[in-house]
Amino acid sequence: MKQPIKKGFFSLLFFVLLVLFTACSPGSDAKPQSKTFINESPEMTTEMIYTYEGDKVIHQKTTNTMPYSSLGVTTQEEAKAILDPIVEQYQGYEGLTETIDYQENQFIEVVEVDYLVVDIEAIRNIPGMTFEGDVSNGISLKRSEEMLLENGFIEKE
């Protein structure tokens, strides 16, 4: 039962967090804008909304919608037993939120990172968090966008 989680949920979590922590060069004085990227499959739909100034991502919201069958379970209770311990590890960090809305046949996970507030060093050891490059200068929209497009995401206009 736990095998689909390791291959599905945790690999997605790893990918999302890798994208979250793609380093960027110093930002500019541009006004905040946003870009949305979507990846749809039978196992999961992921929508990532980046708010950015210049090349620097200042906020990211990732919404994953996944049927319970993708976890190898059939009920809300079974999904909660698997996912609630993961959610707990994301709690208590300023600038980082993760919630799961358990519905009848699926769950919706929302992860938000406010890069203007979050202490990246404090969340570095949360399972699944992966850093690429020097994050001291922030998160690069350009590099994040390239990684998303290479992995099957499309930009939503």
Protein backbone atom coordinates (compact mmCIF):
# COMPACT_ATOMS: atom_id res chain seq x y z
CA MET A 1 0.00 0.00 0.00
CA LYS A 2 2.82 2.46 0.76
CA GLN A 3 4.75 1.78 -2.47
CA PRO A 4 2.61 4.14 -4.64
CA ILE A 5 3.31 6.92 -2.15
CA LYS A 6 7.04 6.52 -2.48
CA LYS A 7 6.87 6.56 -6.26
CA GLY A 8 4.08 9.12 -6.64
CA PHE A 9 3.59 11.54 -3.80
CA PHE A 10 7.18 11.73 -2.58
CA SER A 11 8.63 12.01 -6.08
CA LEU A 12 6.22 14.85 -6.81
CA LEU A 13 7.03 16.45 -3.47
CA PHE A 14 10.74 16.17 -4.29
CA PHE A 15 10.17 17.74 -7.72
CA VAL A 16 8.01 20.57 -6.38
CA LEU A 17 10.52 21.39 -3.70
CA LEU A 18 13.42 21.18 -6.14
CA VAL A 19 11.63 23.79 -8.21
CA LEU A 20 10.88 25.79 -5.08
CA PHE A 21 14.54 26.13 -4.29
CA THR A 22 16.14 26.81 -7.64
CA ALA A 23 18.49 29.70 -6.94
CA CYS A 24 18.43 32.99 -8.82
CA SER A 25 20.57 36.01 -9.35
CA PRO A 26 19.79 39.23 -7.47
CA GLY A 27 16.35 40.65 -8.31
CA SER A 28 15.44 43.94 -9.88
CA ASP A 29 12.98 46.66 -8.89
CA ALA A 30 10.23 45.29 -11.15
CA LYS A 31 6.59 45.27 -10.01
CA PRO A 32 5.13 41.91 -8.88
CA GLN A 33 3.64 39.77 -11.63
CA SER A 34 2.48 36.16 -11.73
CA LYS A 35 2.75 33.08 -13.93
CA THR A 36 0.75 29.88 -13.68
CA PHE A 37 1.89 26.43 -14.78
CA ILE A 38 -0.23 23.26 -14.97
CA ASN A 39 0.55 19.57 -15.31
CA GLU A 40 -2.37 17.16 -15.67
CA SER A 41 -2.29 13.39 -15.56
CA PRO A 42 -4.73 10.68 -14.43
CA GLU A 43 -2.77 10.39 -11.17
CA MET A 44 -2.65 14.08 -10.31
CA THR A 45 -3.21 17.65 -11.44
CA THR A 46 -0.67 20.22 -10.29
CA GLU A 47 -1.04 23.97 -10.62
CA MET A 48 1.86 26.21 -9.64
CA ILE A 49 1.42 29.97 -9.36
CA TYR A 50 4.56 32.04 -9.09
CA THR A 51 4.51 35.68 -8.00
CA TYR A 52 7.74 37.36 -8.99
CA GLU A 53 9.63 40.61 -9.40
CA GLY A 54 12.11 40.53 -12.25
CA ASP A 55 13.61 37.02 -12.08
CA LYS A 56 13.10 36.67 -8.33
CA VAL A 57 10.17 34.53 -7.12
CA ILE A 58 8.63 36.15 -4.04
CA HIS A 59 5.69 33.76 -3.50
CA GLN A 60 4.69 30.35 -4.77
CA LYS A 61 1.41 28.50 -4.44
CA THR A 62 1.26 24.87 -5.51
CA THR A 63 -2.06 23.03 -5.62
CA ASN A 64 -2.05 19.26 -6.11
CA THR A 65 -5.33 17.45 -6.74
CA MET A 66 -4.99 13.70 -6.43
CA PRO A 67 -7.47 10.80 -6.27
CA TYR A 68 -7.02 8.51 -3.28
CA SER A 69 -6.28 5.65 -5.68
CA SER A 70 -2.98 7.37 -6.56
CA LEU A 71 -1.91 6.72 -2.96
CA GLY A 72 -3.01 3.11 -3.17
CA VAL A 73 -5.97 3.72 -0.83
CA THR A 74 -9.71 4.03 -1.27
CA THR A 75 -10.98 6.07 1.67
CA GLN A 76 -10.49 9.47 3.22
CA GLU A 77 -9.45 7.83 6.51
CA GLU A 78 -6.73 5.76 4.84
CA ALA A 79 -5.40 8.84 3.06
CA LYS A 80 -5.38 10.85 6.30
CA ALA A 81 -3.41 8.12 8.06
CA ILE A 82 -0.72 8.43 5.40
CA LEU A 83 -0.70 12.17 4.77
CA ASP A 84 -1.41 13.80 8.14
CA PRO A 85 2.06 12.95 9.52
CA ILE A 86 3.59 14.61 6.45
CA VAL A 87 1.44 17.73 6.87
CA GLU A 88 2.56 18.03 10.50
CA GLN A 89 6.19 18.39 9.43
CA TYR A 90 5.34 21.54 7.44
CA GLN A 91 3.61 23.31 10.29
CA GLY A 92 5.11 26.01 12.49
CA TYR A 93 7.34 27.74 9.94
CA GLU A 94 6.64 31.39 9.21
CA GLY A 95 6.20 31.84 5.46
CA LEU A 96 5.45 28.14 4.76
CA THR A 97 2.00 26.56 4.83
CA GLU A 98 0.78 23.17 3.72
CA THR A 99 -2.81 22.04 4.03
CA ILE A 100 -4.82 19.12 2.73
CA ASP A 101 -8.53 19.21 2.02
CA TYR A 102 -9.82 15.63 2.12
CA GLN A 103 -12.81 15.20 -0.16
CA GLU A 104 -14.97 12.21 -1.08
CA ASN A 105 -12.68 10.57 -3.67
CA GLN A 106 -9.66 12.87 -3.75
CA PHE A 107 -7.59 15.29 -1.75
CA ILE A 108 -6.37 18.75 -2.57
CA GLU A 109 -3.00 19.75 -1.16
CA VAL A 110 -1.94 23.38 -1.11
CA VAL A 111 1.65 24.39 -0.38
CA GLU A 112 2.47 28.09 -0.16
CA VAL A 113 5.88 29.64 0.31
CA ASP A 114 6.36 33.34 0.98
CA TYR A 115 10.00 33.82 0.06
CA LEU A 116 10.04 37.29 1.62
CA VAL A 117 9.33 35.75 5.03
CA VAL A 118 10.43 32.09 5.08
CA ASP A 119 13.75 31.14 6.67
CA ILE A 120 15.11 28.69 4.12
CA GLU A 121 17.71 27.38 6.58
CA ALA A 122 14.93 26.55 9.07
CA ILE A 123 12.99 24.48 6.51
CA ARG A 124 16.03 22.90 4.87
CA ASN A 125 15.68 19.68 6.88
CA ILE A 126 12.01 19.04 6.23
CA PRO A 127 11.82 15.71 4.36
CA GLY A 128 11.53 16.36 0.64
CA MET A 129 13.12 19.80 0.70
CA THR A 130 15.86 20.00 -1.89
CA PHE A 131 17.99 22.98 -2.77
CA GLU A 132 19.74 23.62 -6.07
CA GLY A 133 22.37 26.29 -6.32
CA ASP A 134 22.95 29.16 -3.95
CA VAL A 135 19.57 30.20 -2.54
CA SER A 136 20.98 33.19 -0.70
CA ASN A 137 20.02 35.38 -3.68
CA GLY A 138 16.50 33.97 -3.94
CA ILE A 139 14.58 31.70 -6.28
CA SER A 140 14.94 32.17 -10.05
CA LEU A 141 11.73 32.32 -12.06
CA LYS A 142 13.62 31.62 -15.26
CA ARG A 143 15.30 28.47 -13.94
CA SER A 144 12.09 27.29 -12.27
CA GLU A 145 10.13 27.85 -15.49
CA GLU A 146 12.71 25.92 -17.54
CA MET A 147 12.53 22.98 -15.14
CA LEU A 148 8.73 22.95 -15.18
CA LEU A 149 8.49 23.05 -18.98
CA GLU A 150 11.10 20.27 -19.27
CA ASN A 151 8.95 18.15 -16.97
CA GLY A 152 5.69 18.45 -18.89
CA PHE A 153 4.11 21.55 -17.36
CA ILE A 154 2.44 24.07 -19.62
CA GLU A 155 2.10 27.77 -18.95
CA LYS A 156 -1.49 28.87 -18.44
CA GLU A 157 -2.14 32.19 -20.15
